[in-house]
Each structure stands twice: as C-alpha cells, then as structure tokens.
C-alpha cells in the first residue's frame, strides 16, 4: 500500500517586487486502521510464503507482541466489502481517525460476512460515512 497523495498547484516563476506568501499544502495522512489492515495482509502474505514460521516469529520481526499480531491478523477475516471501504477511506487531515481497529474487533468476531456488513452499516458507517453495503454482498 502506498502512502502517497497527489497535489496540483501552479508556480509562477516571474519576477515580483513583493515577497511571496508560501502556501503549505496539507494532504493529510492515511487512517491508522487502513495502515493496520495493510500490515495484517503483509503478515499473512509473508506467513503463507514461508518467510515467517509462526505468529511469534512475526511478532519478533515487526517488534510487536504475539497478542498484538493476532489482533492485527484478525482484520484479514473482515468481509471484503468492509476491507475495501477501509482502504478507500479519505486521508485524515485533522483530529482523530473516524474509526479505530478496536471498534472493528466486535465486527471481526462475527464469522458470517453478512452479519459483519450489517454491523459495519450500523456502527462504522456513522463514523466513516462510507457507502451503505447491501446485505448478502
């Protein structure tokens, strides 16, 4: 996953007798839950590829506890539509993230994707304002 954003602006190289005001462009940051989801897929990919022996090895590689690795990897069990919405979240420009990984733990605990999506629509959708998913998707 890339943490890049694109900004377009016009630069005038003409000479002027008055000093220019610099305009800072703030593009925001990728929401933490999106970065955590990307990390969960990286741990899964490396585990399946044989680079990591187990979650204890992953914990040592990433400087985390085994419990934290388990929490992070559990995000891969989210319904694909929810994962897509998380990865499509707009950058956070000010304040707190609209949803946290901790808030997703109850959704992840539900094994049926239909119920996960219903829970996402009920809880996370208010915070993220993402498109409403249809049940059964």
Protein backbone atom coordinates (compact mmCIF):
# COMPACT_ATOMS: atom_id res chain seq x y z
CA UNK A 1 0.00 0.00 0.00
CA UNK A 2 1.32 3.45 -0.84
CA UNK A 3 1.09 6.44 1.48
CA UNK A 4 1.18 8.90 -1.41
CA UNK A 5 -1.23 11.58 -2.46
CA UNK A 6 -1.27 13.92 -5.43
CA UNK A 7 -1.45 17.69 -5.16
CA UNK A 8 -1.56 20.09 -8.10
CA UNK A 9 -0.52 23.72 -7.90
CA UNK A 10 0.68 26.46 -10.20
CA UNK A 11 4.11 28.03 -9.81
CA UNK A 12 4.79 31.48 -11.24
CA UNK A 13 8.50 31.97 -11.92
CA UNK A 14 8.03 35.58 -12.97
CA UNK A 15 9.84 38.30 -11.06
CA UNK A 16 7.95 40.29 -8.50
CA UNK A 17 8.99 43.17 -6.27
CA UNK A 18 6.90 41.97 -3.34
CA UNK A 19 7.63 38.88 -1.25
CA UNK A 20 5.52 35.81 -1.87
CA UNK A 21 3.40 34.14 0.69
CA UNK A 22 4.12 30.46 0.98
CA UNK A 23 1.11 28.21 0.93
CA UNK A 24 1.51 24.91 2.72
CA UNK A 25 -0.39 22.03 1.15
CA UNK A 26 -1.67 19.56 3.70
CA UNK A 27 -2.72 16.27 2.17
CA UNK A 28 -3.45 14.52 5.45
CA UNK A 29 -2.43 11.03 6.47
CA UNK A 30 -3.67 7.56 5.76
CA UNK A 31 -6.04 6.45 8.55
CA UNK A 32 -4.33 4.19 11.06
CA UNK A 33 -6.87 1.41 10.58
CA UNK A 34 -6.05 1.32 6.85
CA UNK A 35 -2.33 1.03 7.61
CA UNK A 36 -3.06 -1.70 10.16
CA UNK A 37 -5.17 -3.61 7.63
CA UNK A 38 -2.34 -3.39 5.11
CA UNK A 39 0.06 -4.70 7.76
CA UNK A 40 -2.28 -7.60 8.50
CA UNK A 41 -2.19 -8.63 4.86
CA UNK A 42 1.60 -8.31 4.81
CA UNK A 43 1.93 -10.61 7.83
CA UNK A 44 -0.46 -13.11 6.22
CA UNK A 45 1.38 -12.97 2.89
CA UNK A 46 4.78 -13.50 4.49
CA UNK A 47 3.41 -16.29 6.69
CA UNK A 48 1.91 -18.15 3.76
CA UNK A 49 5.08 -17.61 1.74
CA UNK A 50 7.17 -19.27 4.41
CA UNK A 51 9.11 -16.15 5.41
CA UNK A 52 7.56 -16.26 8.88
CA UNK A 53 7.42 -19.50 10.83
CA UNK A 54 4.51 -18.52 13.08
CA UNK A 55 2.98 -15.51 14.79
CA UNK A 56 5.73 -15.46 17.43
CA UNK A 57 8.26 -15.07 14.62
CA UNK A 58 6.08 -12.35 13.07
CA UNK A 59 5.96 -10.57 16.42
CA UNK A 60 9.76 -10.56 16.63
CA UNK A 61 10.09 -9.38 13.01
CA UNK A 62 7.67 -6.47 13.43
CA UNK A 63 8.57 -5.57 17.02
CA UNK A 64 5.13 -6.43 18.38
CA UNK A 65 3.73 -8.82 20.94
CA UNK A 66 2.19 -12.12 19.83
CA UNK A 67 -1.18 -10.91 21.10
CA UNK A 68 -0.96 -7.74 19.01
CA UNK A 69 -0.02 -9.73 15.91
CA UNK A 70 -3.10 -11.90 16.48
CA UNK A 71 -5.29 -8.79 16.76
CA UNK A 72 -3.82 -7.32 13.60
CA UNK A 73 -4.02 -10.51 11.54
CA UNK A 74 -7.67 -10.97 12.55
CA UNK A 75 -8.51 -7.97 10.35
CA UNK A 76 -8.00 -10.22 7.33
CA UNK A 77 -11.20 -12.00 8.43
CA UNK A 78 -13.31 -8.92 7.72
CA UNK A 79 -15.76 -9.10 4.82
CA UNK A 80 -14.09 -7.97 1.59
CA UNK A 81 -16.56 -5.07 1.22
CA UNK A 82 -15.54 -3.73 4.65
CA UNK A 83 -11.85 -4.09 3.86
CA UNK A 84 -12.43 -2.22 0.61
CA UNK A 85 -14.22 0.60 2.45
CA UNK A 86 -11.43 0.86 4.99
CA UNK A 87 -8.74 1.05 2.32
CA UNK A 88 -10.76 3.68 0.42
CA UNK A 89 -11.17 5.96 3.43
CA UNK A 90 -10.07 9.53 2.72
CA UNK A 91 -6.93 10.90 4.37
CA UNK A 92 -7.30 12.28 7.89
CA UNK A 93 -6.47 15.98 7.74
CA UNK A 94 -7.30 16.96 11.32
CA UNK A 95 -8.33 15.36 14.55
CA UNK A 96 -8.86 11.71 15.29
CA UNK A 97 -9.40 8.87 12.88
CA UNK A 98 -13.08 8.23 12.10
CA UNK A 99 -12.85 4.56 13.16
CA UNK A 100 -10.34 2.54 15.14
CA UNK A 101 -9.10 -1.00 14.92
CA UNK A 102 -10.51 -1.57 18.39
CA UNK A 103 -14.01 -0.68 17.14
CA UNK A 104 -13.63 -3.33 14.43
CA UNK A 105 -12.90 -6.15 16.89
CA UNK A 106 -16.59 -6.85 17.57
CA UNK A 107 -17.27 -6.91 13.83
CA UNK A 108 -14.36 -9.28 13.20
CA UNK A 109 -15.66 -11.60 15.94
CA UNK A 110 -18.73 -12.33 13.81
CA UNK A 111 -17.86 -15.19 11.42
CA UNK A 112 -20.62 -14.51 8.84
CA UNK A 113 -19.78 -11.76 6.37
CA UNK A 114 -23.46 -10.80 6.02
CA UNK A 115 -23.64 -10.02 9.71
CA UNK A 116 -20.30 -8.24 9.63
CA UNK A 117 -21.60 -5.95 6.89
CA UNK A 118 -24.82 -5.32 8.82
CA UNK A 119 -22.79 -4.44 11.90
CA UNK A 120 -20.49 -2.21 9.82
CA UNK A 121 -23.52 -0.41 8.39
CA UNK A 122 -24.91 0.07 11.87
CA UNK A 123 -21.76 1.16 13.68
CA UNK A 124 -18.87 2.11 11.47
CA UNK A 125 -20.91 3.69 8.71
CA UNK A 126 -21.91 6.51 11.04
CA UNK A 127 -18.28 7.32 11.74
CA UNK A 128 -16.83 6.74 8.27
CA UNK A 129 -19.81 7.79 6.14
CA UNK A 130 -18.94 5.12 3.63
CA UNK A 131 -21.42 3.79 1.11
CA UNK A 132 -24.09 1.52 2.54
CA UNK A 133 -23.49 -2.08 1.57
CA UNK A 134 -26.24 -4.37 0.58
CA UNK A 135 -26.85 -7.35 2.79
CA UNK A 136 -25.69 -10.57 1.22
CA UNK A 137 -22.95 -9.00 -0.81
